[in-house]
């Protein structure tokens, strides 16, 4: 019998893609936060984002993860809109 070449805790394709999506949102959030003009606000938002992502790092329920991805995207879009309005 041939043994699997995958490690025992390998991610499924769906989990891998979901992980990549979450990491992309995290990177985009941190990039957007860098555009905040006030240093104190930037630090607050950066700490908030890191804490939120760390707090949910071990989530396994797929429905909950999808909901968190949607919420993170909404927060990111809201921050981007606020920064765009502040520039006008």
PDB file of N, CA and C in Angstrom:
ATOM      1  N   UNK A   1       0.848  -1.172   0.000  1.00  0.00           N
ATOM      2  CA  UNK A   1       0.000   0.000   0.000  1.00  0.00           C
ATOM      3  C   UNK A   1       0.900   1.244   0.000  1.00  0.00           C
ATOM      4  N   UNK A   2       0.632   2.176  -0.894  1.00  0.00           N
ATOM      5  CA  UNK A   2       1.438   3.389  -1.008  1.00  0.00           C
ATOM      6  C   UNK A   2       1.044   4.368   0.089  1.00  0.00           C
ATOM      7  N   UNK A   3       2.041   4.962   0.673  1.00  0.00           N
ATOM      8  CA  UNK A   3       1.743   5.946   1.716  1.00  0.00           C
ATOM      9  C   UNK A   3       1.572   7.328   1.094  1.00  0.00           C
ATOM     10  N   UNK A   4       0.804   8.166   1.744  1.00  0.00           N
ATOM     11  CA  UNK A   4       0.556   9.513   1.266  1.00  0.00           C
ATOM     12  C   UNK A   4       1.803  10.362   1.464  1.00  0.00           C
ATOM     13  N   UNK A   5       2.045  11.252   0.512  1.00  0.00           N
ATOM     14  CA  UNK A   5       3.205  12.132   0.621  1.00  0.00           C
ATOM     15  C   UNK A   5       2.891  13.391   1.410  1.00  0.00           C
ATOM     16  N   UNK A   6       1.639  13.555   1.797  1.00  0.00           N
ATOM     17  CA  UNK A   6       1.233  14.728   2.558  1.00  0.00           C
ATOM     18  C   UNK A   6       1.510  14.513   4.042  1.00  0.00           C
ATOM     19  N   UNK A   7       1.945  15.563   4.727  1.00  0.00           N
ATOM     20  CA  UNK A   7       2.076  15.441   6.181  1.00  0.00           C
ATOM     21  C   UNK A   7       0.709  15.213   6.813  1.00  0.00           C
ATOM     22  N   UNK A   8       0.662  14.642   8.006  1.00  0.00           N
ATOM     23  CA  UNK A   8      -0.626  14.306   8.620  1.00  0.00           C
ATOM     24  C   UNK A   8      -1.556  15.501   8.837  1.00  0.00           C
ATOM     25  N   UNK A   9      -1.020  16.696   9.031  1.00  0.00           N
ATOM     26  CA  UNK A   9      -1.866  17.860   9.313  1.00  0.00           C
ATOM     27  C   UNK A   9      -1.909  18.826   8.125  1.00  0.00           C
ATOM     28  N   UNK A  10      -1.761  18.324   6.916  1.00  0.00           N
ATOM     29  CA  UNK A  10      -1.778  19.191   5.735  1.00  0.00           C
ATOM     30  C   UNK A  10      -3.164  19.800   5.545  1.00  0.00           C
ATOM     31  N   UNK A  11      -3.190  21.036   5.033  1.00  0.00           N
ATOM     32  CA  UNK A  11      -4.453  21.718   4.775  1.00  0.00           C
ATOM     33  C   UNK A  11      -5.080  21.177   3.493  1.00  0.00           C
ATOM     34  N   UNK A  12      -6.388  21.147   3.471  1.00  0.00           N
ATOM     35  CA  UNK A  12      -7.082  20.821   2.238  1.00  0.00           C
ATOM     36  C   UNK A  12      -6.947  22.013   1.299  1.00  0.00           C
ATOM     37  N   UNK A  13      -7.262  21.822   0.028  1.00  0.00           N
ATOM     38  CA  UNK A  13      -7.182  22.924  -0.924  1.00  0.00           C
ATOM     39  C   UNK A  13      -8.082  24.077  -0.495  1.00  0.00           C
ATOM     40  N   UNK A  14      -9.280  23.767  -0.043  1.00  0.00           N
ATOM     41  CA  UNK A  14     -10.225  24.801   0.399  1.00  0.00           C
ATOM     42  C   UNK A  14      -9.661  25.575   1.580  1.00  0.00           C
ATOM     43  N   UNK A  15      -9.068  24.870   2.547  1.00  0.00           N
ATOM     44  CA  UNK A  15      -8.480  25.529   3.707  1.00  0.00           C
ATOM     45  C   UNK A  15      -7.283  26.384   3.300  1.00  0.00           C
ATOM     46  N   UNK A  16      -6.475  25.873   2.378  1.00  0.00           N
ATOM     47  CA  UNK A  16      -5.311  26.625   1.903  1.00  0.00           C
ATOM     48  C   UNK A  16      -5.747  27.926   1.238  1.00  0.00           C
ATOM     49  N   UNK A  17      -6.749  27.840   0.363  1.00  0.00           N
ATOM     50  CA  UNK A  17      -7.228  29.040  -0.326  1.00  0.00           C
ATOM     51  C   UNK A  17      -7.843  30.038   0.659  1.00  0.00           C
ATOM     52  N   UNK A  18      -8.559  29.519   1.633  1.00  0.00           N
ATOM     53  CA  UNK A  18      -9.156  30.379   2.640  1.00  0.00           C
ATOM     54  C   UNK A  18      -8.062  31.067   3.467  1.00  0.00           C
ATOM     55  N   UNK A  19      -7.019  30.331   3.797  1.00  0.00           N
ATOM     56  CA  UNK A  19      -5.883  30.892   4.548  1.00  0.00           C
ATOM     57  C   UNK A  19      -5.209  31.998   3.744  1.00  0.00           C
ATOM     58  N   UNK A  20      -5.025  31.770   2.448  1.00  0.00           N
ATOM     59  CA  UNK A  20      -4.410  32.783   1.594  1.00  0.00           C
ATOM     60  C   UNK A  20      -5.266  34.046   1.540  1.00  0.00           C
ATOM     61  N   UNK A  21      -6.580  33.860   1.494  1.00  0.00           N
ATOM     62  CA  UNK A  21      -7.499  35.001   1.465  1.00  0.00           C
ATOM     63  C   UNK A  21      -7.377  35.808   2.767  1.00  0.00           C
ATOM     64  N   UNK A  22      -7.332  35.114   3.897  1.00  0.00           N
ATOM     65  CA  UNK A  22      -7.221  35.782   5.195  1.00  0.00           C
ATOM     66  C   UNK A  22      -5.892  36.536   5.287  1.00  0.00           C
ATOM     67  N   UNK A  23      -4.804  35.906   4.866  1.00  0.00           N
ATOM     68  CA  UNK A  23      -3.503  36.568   4.908  1.00  0.00           C
ATOM     69  C   UNK A  23      -3.485  37.798   3.998  1.00  0.00           C
ATOM     70  N   UNK A  24      -4.141  37.717   2.865  1.00  0.00           N
ATOM     71  CA  UNK A  24      -4.229  38.866   1.963  1.00  0.00           C
ATOM     72  C   UNK A  24      -4.991  40.019   2.590  1.00  0.00           C
ATOM     73  N   UNK A  25      -6.092  39.705   3.261  1.00  0.00           N
ATOM     74  CA  UNK A  25      -6.866  40.743   3.945  1.00  0.00           C
ATOM     75  C   UNK A  25      -6.019  41.376   5.047  1.00  0.00           C
ATOM     76  N   UNK A  26      -5.290  40.545   5.773  1.00  0.00           N
ATOM     77  CA  UNK A  26      -4.433  41.050   6.852  1.00  0.00           C
ATOM     78  C   UNK A  26      -3.368  42.004   6.298  1.00  0.00           C
ATOM     79  N   UNK A  27      -2.705  41.589   5.230  1.00  0.00           N
ATOM     80  CA  UNK A  27      -1.674  42.446   4.618  1.00  0.00           C
ATOM     81  C   UNK A  27      -2.281  43.751   4.109  1.00  0.00           C
ATOM     82  N   UNK A  28      -3.417  43.661   3.421  1.00  0.00           N
ATOM     83  CA  UNK A  28      -4.070  44.870   2.904  1.00  0.00           C
ATOM     84  C   UNK A  28      -4.516  45.796   4.034  1.00  0.00           C
ATOM     85  N   UNK A  29      -4.973  45.213   5.125  1.00  0.00           N
ATOM     86  CA  UNK A  29      -5.385  46.018   6.269  1.00  0.00           C
ATOM     87  C   UNK A  29      -4.190  46.780   6.837  1.00  0.00           C
ATOM     88  N   UNK A  30      -3.067  46.083   7.013  1.00  0.00           N
ATOM     89  CA  UNK A  30      -1.882  46.756   7.550  1.00  0.00           C
ATOM     90  C   UNK A  30      -1.360  47.820   6.584  1.00  0.00           C
ATOM     91  N   UNK A  31      -1.420  47.547   5.283  1.00  0.00           N
ATOM     92  CA  UNK A  31      -0.997  48.555   4.293  1.00  0.00           C
ATOM     93  C   UNK A  31      -1.892  49.796   4.358  1.00  0.00           C
ATOM     94  N   UNK A  32      -3.176  49.561   4.490  1.00  0.00           N
ATOM     95  CA  UNK A  32      -4.119  50.677   4.557  1.00  0.00           C
ATOM     96  C   UNK A  32      -3.905  51.475   5.840  1.00  0.00           C
ATOM     97  N   UNK A  33      -3.655  50.791   6.936  1.00  0.00           N
ATOM     98  CA  UNK A  33      -3.434  51.471   8.217  1.00  0.00           C
ATOM     99  C   UNK A  33      -2.198  52.368   8.135  1.00  0.00           C
ATOM    100  N   UNK A  34      -1.203  51.979   7.359  1.00  0.00           N
ATOM    101  CA  UNK A  34      -0.003  52.811   7.202  1.00  0.00           C
ATOM    102  C   UNK A  34      -0.321  54.181   6.612  1.00  0.00           C
ATOM    103  N   UNK A  35      -1.461  54.319   5.951  1.00  0.00           N
ATOM    104  CA  UNK A  35      -1.844  55.586   5.335  1.00  0.00           C
ATOM    105  C   UNK A  35      -2.537  56.541   6.308  1.00  0.00           C
ATOM    106  N   UNK A  36      -2.854  56.056   7.507  1.00  0.00           N
ATOM    107  CA  UNK A  36      -3.508  56.902   8.509  1.00  0.00           C
ATOM    108  C   UNK A  36      -2.501  57.963   8.955  1.00  0.00           C
ATOM    109  N   UNK A  37      -2.877  59.240   8.882  1.00  0.00           N
ATOM    110  CA  UNK A  37      -1.905  60.308   9.157  1.00  0.00           C
ATOM    111  C   UNK A  37      -1.447  60.409  10.617  1.00  0.00           C
ATOM    112  N   UNK A  38      -2.347  60.195  11.565  1.00  0.00           N
ATOM    113  CA  UNK A  38      -2.000  60.366  12.968  1.00  0.00           C
ATOM    114  C   UNK A  38      -1.331  59.109  13.529  1.00  0.00           C
ATOM    115  N   UNK A  39      -0.163  59.283  14.143  1.00  0.00           N
ATOM    116  CA  UNK A  39       0.611  58.147  14.669  1.00  0.00           C
ATOM    117  C   UNK A  39      -0.146  57.368  15.737  1.00  0.00           C
ATOM    118  N   UNK A  40      -0.834  58.079  16.644  1.00  0.00           N
ATOM    119  CA  UNK A  40      -1.585  57.380  17.700  1.00  0.00           C
ATOM    120  C   UNK A  40      -2.722  56.549  17.114  1.00  0.00           C
ATOM    121  N   UNK A  41      -3.435  57.104  16.134  1.00  0.00           N
ATOM    122  CA  UNK A  41      -4.510  56.351  15.478  1.00  0.00           C
ATOM    123  C   UNK A  41      -3.953  55.144  14.737  1.00  0.00           C
ATOM    124  N   UNK A  42      -2.814  55.345  14.071  1.00  0.00           N
ATOM    125  CA  UNK A  42      -2.170  54.241  13.345  1.00  0.00           C
ATOM    126  C   UNK A  42      -1.819  53.110  14.304  1.00  0.00           C
ATOM    127  N   UNK A  43      -1.213  53.450  15.442  1.00  0.00           N
ATOM    128  CA  UNK A  43      -0.828  52.427  16.414  1.00  0.00           C
ATOM    129  C   UNK A  43      -2.062  51.716  16.962  1.00  0.00           C
ATOM    130  N   UNK A  44      -3.112  52.478  17.284  1.00  0.00           N
ATOM    131  CA  UNK A  44      -4.348  51.878  17.803  1.00  0.00           C
ATOM    132  C   UNK A  44      -4.928  50.889  16.780  1.00  0.00           C
ATOM    133  N   UNK A  45      -5.029  51.321  15.525  1.00  0.00           N
ATOM    134  CA  UNK A  45      -5.615  50.458  14.488  1.00  0.00           C
ATOM    135  C   UNK A  45      -4.748  49.230  14.218  1.00  0.00           C
ATOM    136  N   UNK A  46      -3.435  49.423  14.207  1.00  0.00           N
ATOM    137  CA  UNK A  46      -2.522  48.293  13.968  1.00  0.00           C
ATOM    138  C   UNK A  46      -2.652  47.264  15.090  1.00  0.00           C
ATOM    139  N   UNK A  47      -2.675  47.742  16.342  1.00  0.00           N
ATOM    140  CA  UNK A  47      -2.833  46.832  17.483  1.00  0.00           C
ATOM    141  C   UNK A  47      -4.182  46.133  17.450  1.00  0.00           C
ATOM    142  N   UNK A  48      -5.234  46.885  17.089  1.00  0.00           N
ATOM    143  CA  UNK A  48      -6.572  46.294  16.999  1.00  0.00           C
ATOM    144  C   UNK A  48      -6.610  45.184  15.942  1.00  0.00           C
ATOM    145  N   UNK A  49      -6.050  45.468  14.756  1.00  0.00           N
ATOM    146  CA  UNK A  49      -6.064  44.477  13.674  1.00  0.00           C
ATOM    147  C   UNK A  49      -5.281  43.225  14.075  1.00  0.00           C
ATOM    148  N   UNK A  50      -4.108  43.422  14.633  1.00  0.00           N
ATOM    149  CA  UNK A  50      -3.299  42.270  15.054  1.00  0.00           C
ATOM    150  C   UNK A  50      -4.023  41.440  16.098  1.00  0.00           C
ATOM    151  N   UNK A  51      -4.620  42.109  17.077  1.00  0.00           N
ATOM    152  CA  UNK A  51      -5.340  41.385  18.129  1.00  0.00           C
ATOM    153  C   UNK A  51      -6.515  40.591  17.565  1.00  0.00           C
ATOM    154  N   UNK A  52      -7.269  41.199  16.648  1.00  0.00           N
ATOM    155  CA  UNK A  52      -8.413  40.509  16.056  1.00  0.00           C
ATOM    156  C   UNK A  52      -7.982  39.260  15.283  1.00  0.00           C
ATOM    157  N   UNK A  53      -6.951  39.416  14.473  1.00  0.00           N
ATOM    158  CA  UNK A  53      -6.501  38.264  13.691  1.00  0.00           C
ATOM    159  C   UNK A  53      -5.896  37.192  14.588  1.00  0.00           C
ATOM    160  N   UNK A  54      -5.146  37.587  15.606  1.00  0.00           N
ATOM    161  CA  UNK A  54      -4.573  36.601  16.539  1.00  0.00           C
ATOM    162  C   UNK A  54      -5.667  35.889  17.324  1.00  0.00           C
ATOM    163  N   UNK A  55      -6.667  36.643  17.745  1.00  0.00           N
ATOM    164  CA  UNK A  55      -7.750  36.062  18.543  1.00  0.00           C
ATOM    165  C   UNK A  55      -8.498  34.980  17.776  1.00  0.00           C
ATOM    166  N   UNK A  56      -8.598  35.159  16.465  1.00  0.00           N
ATOM    167  CA  UNK A  56      -9.364  34.217  15.647  1.00  0.00           C
ATOM    168  C   UNK A  56      -8.477  33.235  14.876  1.00  0.00           C
ATOM    169  N   UNK A  57      -7.197  33.205  15.194  1.00  0.00           N
ATOM    170  CA  UNK A  57      -6.241  32.382  14.460  1.00  0.00           C
ATOM    171  C   UNK A  57      -6.598  30.889  14.479  1.00  0.00           C
ATOM    172  N   UNK A  58      -7.123  30.407  15.576  1.00  0.00           N
ATOM    173  CA  UNK A  58      -7.382  28.974  15.711  1.00  0.00           C
ATOM    174  C   UNK A  58      -8.817  28.576  15.393  1.00  0.00           C
ATOM    175  N   UNK A  59      -9.560  29.449  14.751  1.00  0.00           N
ATOM    176  CA  UNK A  59     -10.950  29.130  14.391  1.00  0.00           C
ATOM    177  C   UNK A  59     -10.966  28.007  13.356  1.00  0.00           C
ATOM    178  N   UNK A  60     -11.906  27.095  13.494  1.00  0.00           N
ATOM    179  CA  UNK A  60     -11.992  25.960  12.569  1.00  0.00           C
ATOM    180  C   UNK A  60     -13.356  25.834  11.897  1.00  0.00           C
ATOM    181  N   UNK A  61     -14.381  26.439  12.451  1.00  0.00           N
ATOM    182  CA  UNK A  61     -15.723  26.353  11.882  1.00  0.00           C
ATOM    183  C   UNK A  61     -15.767  27.159  10.568  1.00  0.00           C
ATOM    184  N   UNK A  62     -16.027  26.483   9.463  1.00  0.00           N
ATOM    185  CA  UNK A  62     -15.969  27.113   8.147  1.00  0.00           C
ATOM    186  C   UNK A  62     -16.965  28.261   8.002  1.00  0.00           C
ATOM    187  N   UNK A  63     -18.157  28.108   8.552  1.00  0.00           N
ATOM    188  CA  UNK A  63     -19.154  29.182   8.473  1.00  0.00           C
ATOM    189  C   UNK A  63     -18.687  30.407   9.252  1.00  0.00           C
ATOM    190  N   UNK A  64     -18.128  30.183  10.428  1.00  0.00           N
ATOM    191  CA  UNK A  64     -17.626  31.295  11.235  1.00  0.00           C
ATOM    192  C   UNK A  64     -16.465  31.988  10.530  1.00  0.00           C
ATOM    193  N   UNK A  65     -15.599  31.223   9.904  1.00  0.00           N
ATOM    194  CA  UNK A  65     -14.458  31.795   9.193  1.00  0.00           C
ATOM    195  C   UNK A  65     -14.939  32.644   8.023  1.00  0.00           C
ATOM    196  N   UNK A  66     -15.921  32.140   7.281  1.00  0.00           N
ATOM    197  CA  UNK A  66     -16.474  32.928   6.162  1.00  0.00           C
ATOM    198  C   UNK A  66     -17.080  34.240   6.668  1.00  0.00           C
ATOM    199  N   UNK A  67     -17.768  34.180   7.797  1.00  0.00           N
ATOM    200  CA  UNK A  67     -18.360  35.379   8.372  1.00  0.00           C
ATOM    201  C   UNK A  67     -17.258  36.366   8.786  1.00  0.00           C
ATOM    202  N   UNK A  68     -16.185  35.855   9.388  1.00  0.00           N
ATOM    203  CA  UNK A  68     -15.084  36.727   9.809  1.00  0.00           C
ATOM    204  C   UNK A  68     -14.382  37.356   8.600  1.00  0.00           C
ATOM    205  N   UNK A  69     -14.261  36.604   7.513  1.00  0.00           N
ATOM    206  CA  UNK A  69     -13.659  37.148   6.290  1.00  0.00           C
ATOM    207  C   UNK A  69     -14.518  38.289   5.758  1.00  0.00           C
ATOM    208  N   UNK A  70     -15.832  38.094   5.749  1.00  0.00           N
ATOM    209  CA  UNK A  70     -16.749  39.137   5.293  1.00  0.00           C
ATOM    210  C   UNK A  70     -16.640  40.377   6.174  1.00  0.00           C
ATOM    211  N   UNK A  71     -16.608  40.178   7.487  1.00  0.00           N
ATOM    212  CA  UNK A  71     -16.478  41.305   8.407  1.00  0.00           C
ATOM    213  C   UNK A  71     -15.153  42.037   8.213  1.00  0.00           C
ATOM    214  N   UNK A  72     -14.078  41.283   8.033  1.00  0.00           N
ATOM    215  CA  UNK A  72     -12.759  41.900   7.836  1.00  0.00           C
ATOM    216  C   UNK A  72     -12.740  42.722   6.552  1.00  0.00           C
ATOM    217  N   UNK A  73     -13.343  42.177   5.489  1.00  0.00           N
ATOM    218  CA  UNK A  73     -13.425  42.934   4.233  1.00  0.00           C
ATOM    219  C   UNK A  73     -14.237  44.214   4.413  1.00  0.00           C
ATOM    220  N   UNK A  74     -15.329  44.121   5.163  1.00  0.00           N
ATOM    221  CA  UNK A  74     -16.155  45.312   5.416  1.00  0.00           C
ATOM    222  C   UNK A  74     -15.374  46.365   6.200  1.00  0.00           C
ATOM    223  N   UNK A  75     -14.642  45.934   7.221  1.00  0.00           N
ATOM    224  CA  UNK A  75     -13.832  46.873   8.002  1.00  0.00           C
ATOM    225  C   UNK A  75     -12.765  47.524   7.122  1.00  0.00           C
ATOM    226  N   UNK A  76     -12.132  46.713   6.275  1.00  0.00           N
ATOM    227  CA  UNK A  76     -11.086  47.238   5.389  1.00  0.00           C
ATOM    228  C   UNK A  76     -11.668  48.264   4.416  1.00  0.00           C
ATOM    229  N   UNK A  77     -12.793  47.947   3.806  1.00  0.00           N
ATOM    230  CA  UNK A  77     -13.422  48.888   2.874  1.00  0.00           C
ATOM    231  C   UNK A  77     -13.847  50.175   3.578  1.00  0.00           C
ATOM    232  N   UNK A  78     -14.360  50.049   4.785  1.00  0.00           N
ATOM    233  CA  UNK A  78     -14.770  51.234   5.550  1.00  0.00           C
ATOM    234  C   UNK A  78     -13.561  52.115   5.870  1.00  0.00           C
ATOM    235  N   UNK A  79     -12.458  51.501   6.260  1.00  0.00           N
ATOM    236  CA  UNK A  79     -11.245  52.262   6.544  1.00  0.00           C
ATOM    237  C   UNK A  79     -10.730  52.954   5.283  1.00  0.00           C
ATOM    238  N   UNK A  80     -10.755  52.245   4.165  1.00  0.00           N
ATOM    239  CA  UNK A  80     -10.300  52.840   2.906  1.00  0.00           C
ATOM    240  C   UNK A  80     -11.189  54.011   2.495  1.00  0.00           C
ATOM    241  N   UNK A  81     -12.502  53.873   2.673  1.00  0.00           N
ATOM    242  CA  UNK A  81     -13.426  54.980   2.349  1.00  0.00           C
ATOM    243  C   UNK A  81     -13.166  56.178   3.260  1.00  0.00           C
ATOM    244  N   UNK A  82     -12.952  55.919   4.541  1.00  0.00           N
ATOM    245  CA  UNK A  82     -12.692  57.002   5.491  1.00  0.00           C
ATOM    246  C   UNK A  82     -11.409  57.743   5.131  1.00  0.00           C
ATOM    247  N   UNK A  83     -10.380  57.006   4.743  1.00  0.00           N
ATOM    248  CA  UNK A  83      -9.120  57.649   4.360  1.00  0.00           C
ATOM    249  C   UNK A  83      -9.296  58.458   3.077  1.00  0.00           C
ATOM    250  N   UNK A  84     -10.081  57.938   2.140  1.00  0.00           N
ATOM    251  CA  UNK A  84     -10.324  58.661   0.889  1.00  0.00           C
ATOM    252  C   UNK A  84     -11.082  59.959   1.160  1.00  0.00           C
ATOM    253  N   UNK A  85     -12.064  59.908   2.056  1.00  0.00           N
ATOM    254  CA  UNK A  85     -12.822  61.119   2.401  1.00  0.00           C
ATOM    255  C   UNK A  85     -11.937  62.131   3.133  1.00  0.00           C
ATOM    256  N   UNK A  86     -11.017  61.648   3.938  1.00  0.00           N
ATOM    257  CA  UNK A  86     -10.135  62.545   4.695  1.00  0.00           C
ATOM    258  C   UNK A  86      -9.194  63.301   3.771  1.00  0.00           C
ATOM    259  N   UNK A  87      -8.882  62.720   2.615  1.00  0.00           N
ATOM    260  CA  UNK A  87      -7.982  63.358   1.665  1.00  0.00           C
ATOM    261  C   UNK A  87      -8.670  64.449   0.851  1.00  0.00           C
ATOM    262  N   UNK A  88      -9.995  64.378   0.755  1.00  0.00           N
ATOM    263  CA  UNK A  88     -10.748  65.324  -0.082  1.00  0.00           C
ATOM    264  C   UNK A  88     -10.820  66.688   0.553  1.00  0.00           C
TER     265      UNK A  88
END
